[in-house]
C-alpha cells in the first residue's frame, strides 16, 4: 500500500493529513505512511508560512490525503515520527 491515484478515492471521504513544502520532508511522510500500509494520494495545496516570524508568505506545497477513517491514526504516527510542522490537525473543507 502506498501512493495511489486521486481517482482511487473518488467515492470515499478523504482528509488532508499533512502538507509539505520540501522534498525531503515529503519523502519522509511517504516512508511513514507506506511503512504503516496506508494508502494516500497527493495534490498541490496552498499553505502559508511566516518570514522572520512576522510577515505571512504564501507557497504551494504537496498535500497528503488519506481516508477519513484513518486520519486520527495517521496524525498519531506522523506526530510520533517527529513530523509536526505540516501536520493538519483539523479537517479542512
N, C-alpha and C. Protein backbone atom coordinates (compact mmCIF):
# COMPACT_ATOMS: atom_id res chain seq x y z
N UNK A 1 0.85 -1.17 0.00
CA UNK A 1 0.00 0.00 0.00
C UNK A 1 0.90 1.24 0.00
N UNK A 2 0.45 2.27 -0.70
CA UNK A 2 1.25 3.48 -0.76
C UNK A 2 0.51 4.53 -1.57
N UNK A 3 1.28 5.27 -2.34
CA UNK A 3 0.72 6.32 -3.18
C UNK A 3 -0.27 5.73 -4.17
N UNK A 4 -1.46 6.32 -4.21
CA UNK A 4 -2.48 5.89 -5.16
C UNK A 4 -2.93 7.11 -5.95
N UNK A 5 -3.54 6.87 -7.09
CA UNK A 5 -4.09 7.97 -7.88
C UNK A 5 -5.27 8.58 -7.13
N UNK A 6 -5.45 9.89 -7.20
CA UNK A 6 -6.57 10.52 -6.51
C UNK A 6 -7.93 9.90 -6.88
N UNK A 7 -8.05 9.41 -8.11
CA UNK A 7 -9.32 8.81 -8.55
C UNK A 7 -9.69 7.59 -7.71
N UNK A 8 -8.71 6.96 -7.10
CA UNK A 8 -8.96 5.80 -6.25
C UNK A 8 -9.89 6.16 -5.10
N UNK A 9 -9.83 7.41 -4.67
CA UNK A 9 -10.63 7.87 -3.54
C UNK A 9 -11.91 8.58 -3.97
N UNK A 10 -12.25 8.56 -5.26
CA UNK A 10 -13.38 9.32 -5.77
C UNK A 10 -14.69 9.11 -5.01
N UNK A 11 -15.00 7.90 -4.64
CA UNK A 11 -16.27 7.63 -3.97
C UNK A 11 -16.12 7.48 -2.45
N UNK A 12 -14.98 7.94 -1.92
CA UNK A 12 -14.70 7.81 -0.50
C UNK A 12 -14.41 9.17 0.11
N UNK A 13 -14.63 9.27 1.40
CA UNK A 13 -14.35 10.51 2.12
C UNK A 13 -12.87 10.53 2.50
N UNK A 14 -12.18 11.61 2.11
CA UNK A 14 -10.75 11.75 2.41
C UNK A 14 -10.49 13.04 3.17
N UNK A 15 -9.37 13.06 3.86
CA UNK A 15 -8.97 14.23 4.65
C UNK A 15 -7.49 14.48 4.43
N UNK A 16 -7.13 15.77 4.30
CA UNK A 16 -5.72 16.11 4.20
C UNK A 16 -5.10 15.99 5.59
N UNK A 17 -4.03 15.23 5.67
CA UNK A 17 -3.39 14.97 6.96
C UNK A 17 -2.08 15.72 7.11
N UNK A 18 -1.43 16.08 5.99
CA UNK A 18 -0.12 16.73 6.07
C UNK A 18 0.10 17.54 4.80
N UNK A 19 0.82 18.65 4.94
CA UNK A 19 1.23 19.44 3.77
C UNK A 19 2.72 19.74 3.90
N UNK A 20 3.46 19.50 2.81
CA UNK A 20 4.91 19.70 2.83
C UNK A 20 5.31 20.75 1.80
N UNK A 21 6.41 21.41 2.09
CA UNK A 21 6.97 22.37 1.16
C UNK A 21 8.35 21.96 0.68
N UNK A 22 8.92 20.93 1.31
CA UNK A 22 10.27 20.47 0.96
C UNK A 22 10.23 18.99 0.55
N UNK A 23 10.99 18.67 -0.46
CA UNK A 23 11.04 17.31 -0.97
C UNK A 23 11.46 16.31 0.10
N UNK A 24 12.46 16.65 0.88
CA UNK A 24 12.96 15.72 1.91
C UNK A 24 11.87 15.40 2.93
N UNK A 25 11.10 16.38 3.29
CA UNK A 25 10.01 16.16 4.24
C UNK A 25 8.92 15.30 3.61
N UNK A 26 8.63 15.54 2.34
CA UNK A 26 7.64 14.74 1.63
C UNK A 26 8.05 13.28 1.54
N UNK A 27 9.32 13.04 1.29
CA UNK A 27 9.81 11.66 1.22
C UNK A 27 9.66 10.97 2.57
N UNK A 28 9.89 11.70 3.63
CA UNK A 28 9.75 11.13 4.99
C UNK A 28 8.29 10.78 5.28
N UNK A 29 7.36 11.67 4.90
CA UNK A 29 5.94 11.39 5.09
C UNK A 29 5.56 10.14 4.30
N UNK A 30 6.03 10.05 3.05
CA UNK A 30 5.76 8.86 2.23
C UNK A 30 6.29 7.59 2.90
N UNK A 31 7.48 7.64 3.46
CA UNK A 31 8.07 6.47 4.12
C UNK A 31 7.21 6.02 5.29
N UNK A 32 6.78 6.97 6.10
CA UNK A 32 5.99 6.64 7.30
C UNK A 32 4.65 6.04 6.90
N UNK A 33 3.95 6.68 5.97
CA UNK A 33 2.64 6.17 5.57
C UNK A 33 2.76 4.81 4.89
N UNK A 34 3.74 4.64 4.04
CA UNK A 34 3.94 3.37 3.35
C UNK A 34 4.29 2.25 4.33
N UNK A 35 5.13 2.57 5.31
CA UNK A 35 5.53 1.58 6.31
C UNK A 35 4.34 1.09 7.13
N UNK A 36 3.34 1.93 7.27
CA UNK A 36 2.13 1.57 8.02
C UNK A 36 1.03 1.03 7.10
N UNK A 37 1.37 0.78 5.83
CA UNK A 37 0.43 0.22 4.84
C UNK A 37 -0.82 1.10 4.66
N UNK A 38 -0.60 2.40 4.60
CA UNK A 38 -1.68 3.36 4.44
C UNK A 38 -1.69 3.88 3.00
N UNK A 39 -2.81 3.74 2.34
CA UNK A 39 -2.97 4.34 1.01
C UNK A 39 -3.12 5.84 1.18
N UNK A 40 -2.48 6.60 0.30
CA UNK A 40 -2.59 8.05 0.35
C UNK A 40 -2.51 8.59 -1.08
N UNK A 41 -3.08 9.75 -1.25
CA UNK A 41 -2.99 10.47 -2.52
C UNK A 41 -2.39 11.84 -2.23
N UNK A 42 -1.82 12.46 -3.25
CA UNK A 42 -1.22 13.78 -3.08
C UNK A 42 -1.81 14.76 -4.09
N UNK A 43 -1.77 16.03 -3.73
CA UNK A 43 -2.25 17.08 -4.61
C UNK A 43 -1.54 18.38 -4.22
N UNK A 44 -1.47 19.31 -5.13
CA UNK A 44 -0.86 20.62 -4.85
C UNK A 44 -1.82 21.40 -3.95
N UNK A 45 -1.26 21.98 -2.89
CA UNK A 45 -2.05 22.72 -1.91
C UNK A 45 -1.34 24.02 -1.55
N UNK A 46 -2.11 25.10 -1.39
CA UNK A 46 -1.51 26.33 -0.89
C UNK A 46 -1.29 26.22 0.63
N UNK A 47 -0.22 26.85 1.10
CA UNK A 47 -0.02 26.95 2.54
C UNK A 47 0.71 28.25 2.83
N UNK A 48 0.73 28.62 4.09
CA UNK A 48 1.32 29.90 4.47
C UNK A 48 2.37 29.68 5.54
N UNK A 49 3.46 30.42 5.43
CA UNK A 49 4.49 30.44 6.47
C UNK A 49 4.74 31.89 6.84
N UNK A 50 5.62 32.10 7.78
CA UNK A 50 5.93 33.47 8.21
C UNK A 50 7.41 33.76 7.99
N UNK A 51 7.69 34.86 7.31
CA UNK A 51 9.05 35.33 7.09
C UNK A 51 9.47 36.11 8.33
N UNK A 52 10.59 35.71 8.91
CA UNK A 52 11.09 36.32 10.15
C UNK A 52 10.07 36.23 11.28
N UNK A 53 9.17 35.26 11.18
CA UNK A 53 8.17 35.07 12.21
C UNK A 53 7.06 36.11 12.21
N UNK A 54 7.06 37.00 11.20
CA UNK A 54 6.10 38.11 11.20
C UNK A 54 5.27 38.17 9.93
N UNK A 55 5.94 38.29 8.80
CA UNK A 55 5.26 38.52 7.53
C UNK A 55 4.74 37.22 6.93
N UNK A 56 3.44 37.14 6.64
CA UNK A 56 2.90 35.93 6.02
C UNK A 56 3.38 35.81 4.56
N UNK A 57 3.80 34.61 4.20
CA UNK A 57 4.25 34.33 2.85
C UNK A 57 3.49 33.11 2.34
N UNK A 58 2.91 33.24 1.15
CA UNK A 58 2.14 32.13 0.58
C UNK A 58 3.02 31.28 -0.30
N UNK A 59 2.81 29.95 -0.23
CA UNK A 59 3.57 28.98 -1.00
C UNK A 59 2.62 27.94 -1.57
N UNK A 60 3.16 27.09 -2.43
CA UNK A 60 2.44 25.90 -2.85
C UNK A 60 3.26 24.70 -2.39
N UNK A 61 2.56 23.72 -1.85
CA UNK A 61 3.21 22.51 -1.38
C UNK A 61 2.42 21.31 -1.83
N UNK A 62 2.74 20.19 -1.25
CA UNK A 62 2.04 18.95 -1.57
C UNK A 62 1.24 18.51 -0.36
N UNK A 63 -0.06 18.33 -0.57
CA UNK A 63 -0.94 17.84 0.49
C UNK A 63 -1.07 16.33 0.40
N UNK A 64 -1.01 15.66 1.53
CA UNK A 64 -1.18 14.21 1.62
C UNK A 64 -2.59 13.93 2.13
N UNK A 65 -3.34 13.14 1.37
CA UNK A 65 -4.72 12.81 1.70
C UNK A 65 -4.83 11.33 2.02
N UNK A 66 -5.60 11.02 3.07
CA UNK A 66 -5.87 9.64 3.45
C UNK A 66 -7.37 9.49 3.65
N UNK A 67 -7.81 8.24 3.74
CA UNK A 67 -9.22 8.00 4.05
C UNK A 67 -9.55 8.62 5.40
N UNK A 68 -10.69 9.27 5.49
CA UNK A 68 -11.07 9.96 6.73
C UNK A 68 -11.10 9.02 7.93
N UNK A 69 -11.44 7.78 7.71
CA UNK A 69 -11.48 6.81 8.80
C UNK A 69 -10.09 6.55 9.39
N UNK A 70 -9.04 6.85 8.64
CA UNK A 70 -7.67 6.61 9.10
C UNK A 70 -6.95 7.86 9.57
N UNK A 71 -7.60 9.00 9.53
CA UNK A 71 -6.90 10.26 9.76
C UNK A 71 -6.33 10.36 11.18
N UNK A 72 -7.05 9.93 12.19
CA UNK A 72 -6.53 10.02 13.57
C UNK A 72 -5.28 9.15 13.73
N UNK A 73 -5.32 7.94 13.18
CA UNK A 73 -4.17 7.05 13.23
C UNK A 73 -2.98 7.68 12.50
N UNK A 74 -3.23 8.23 11.31
CA UNK A 74 -2.16 8.83 10.51
C UNK A 74 -1.54 10.03 11.22
N UNK A 75 -2.36 10.87 11.81
CA UNK A 75 -1.82 12.01 12.56
C UNK A 75 -0.94 11.53 13.69
N UNK A 76 -1.38 10.49 14.39
CA UNK A 76 -0.61 9.97 15.52
C UNK A 76 0.75 9.43 15.06
N UNK A 77 0.78 8.61 13.99
CA UNK A 77 2.06 8.04 13.57
C UNK A 77 3.00 9.11 13.00
N UNK A 78 2.46 10.10 12.33
CA UNK A 78 3.30 11.18 11.82
C UNK A 78 3.86 12.01 12.98
N UNK A 79 3.02 12.28 13.96
CA UNK A 79 3.47 13.04 15.13
C UNK A 79 4.56 12.26 15.87
N UNK A 80 4.36 10.95 16.06
CA UNK A 80 5.35 10.11 16.75
C UNK A 80 6.67 10.06 15.98
N UNK A 81 6.62 10.23 14.66
CA UNK A 81 7.84 10.24 13.84
C UNK A 81 8.51 11.61 13.82
N UNK A 82 7.94 12.56 14.54
CA UNK A 82 8.52 13.90 14.60
C UNK A 82 8.10 14.81 13.46
N UNK A 83 7.13 14.38 12.67
CA UNK A 83 6.64 15.18 11.55
C UNK A 83 5.43 15.99 12.02
N UNK A 84 5.70 17.18 12.51
CA UNK A 84 4.63 18.00 13.07
C UNK A 84 4.45 19.34 12.36
N UNK A 85 5.48 19.82 11.68
CA UNK A 85 5.42 21.15 11.08
C UNK A 85 4.27 21.28 10.08
N UNK A 86 4.04 20.28 9.26
CA UNK A 86 3.00 20.35 8.25
C UNK A 86 1.75 19.55 8.60
N UNK A 87 1.67 19.07 9.83
CA UNK A 87 0.53 18.27 10.24
C UNK A 87 -0.73 19.13 10.23
N UNK A 88 -1.76 18.63 9.59
CA UNK A 88 -3.05 19.32 9.54
C UNK A 88 -3.90 18.71 10.65
N UNK A 89 -4.05 19.44 11.74
CA UNK A 89 -4.72 18.91 12.92
C UNK A 89 -6.24 18.88 12.82
N UNK A 90 -6.80 19.82 12.10
CA UNK A 90 -8.26 19.83 11.96
C UNK A 90 -8.62 19.59 10.51
N UNK A 91 -9.83 19.11 10.31
CA UNK A 91 -10.29 18.84 8.96
C UNK A 91 -10.52 20.16 8.23
N UNK A 92 -10.05 20.22 6.98
CA UNK A 92 -10.23 21.40 6.13
C UNK A 92 -11.23 21.07 5.05
N UNK A 93 -12.06 22.04 4.69
CA UNK A 93 -13.04 21.83 3.62
C UNK A 93 -12.45 22.20 2.29
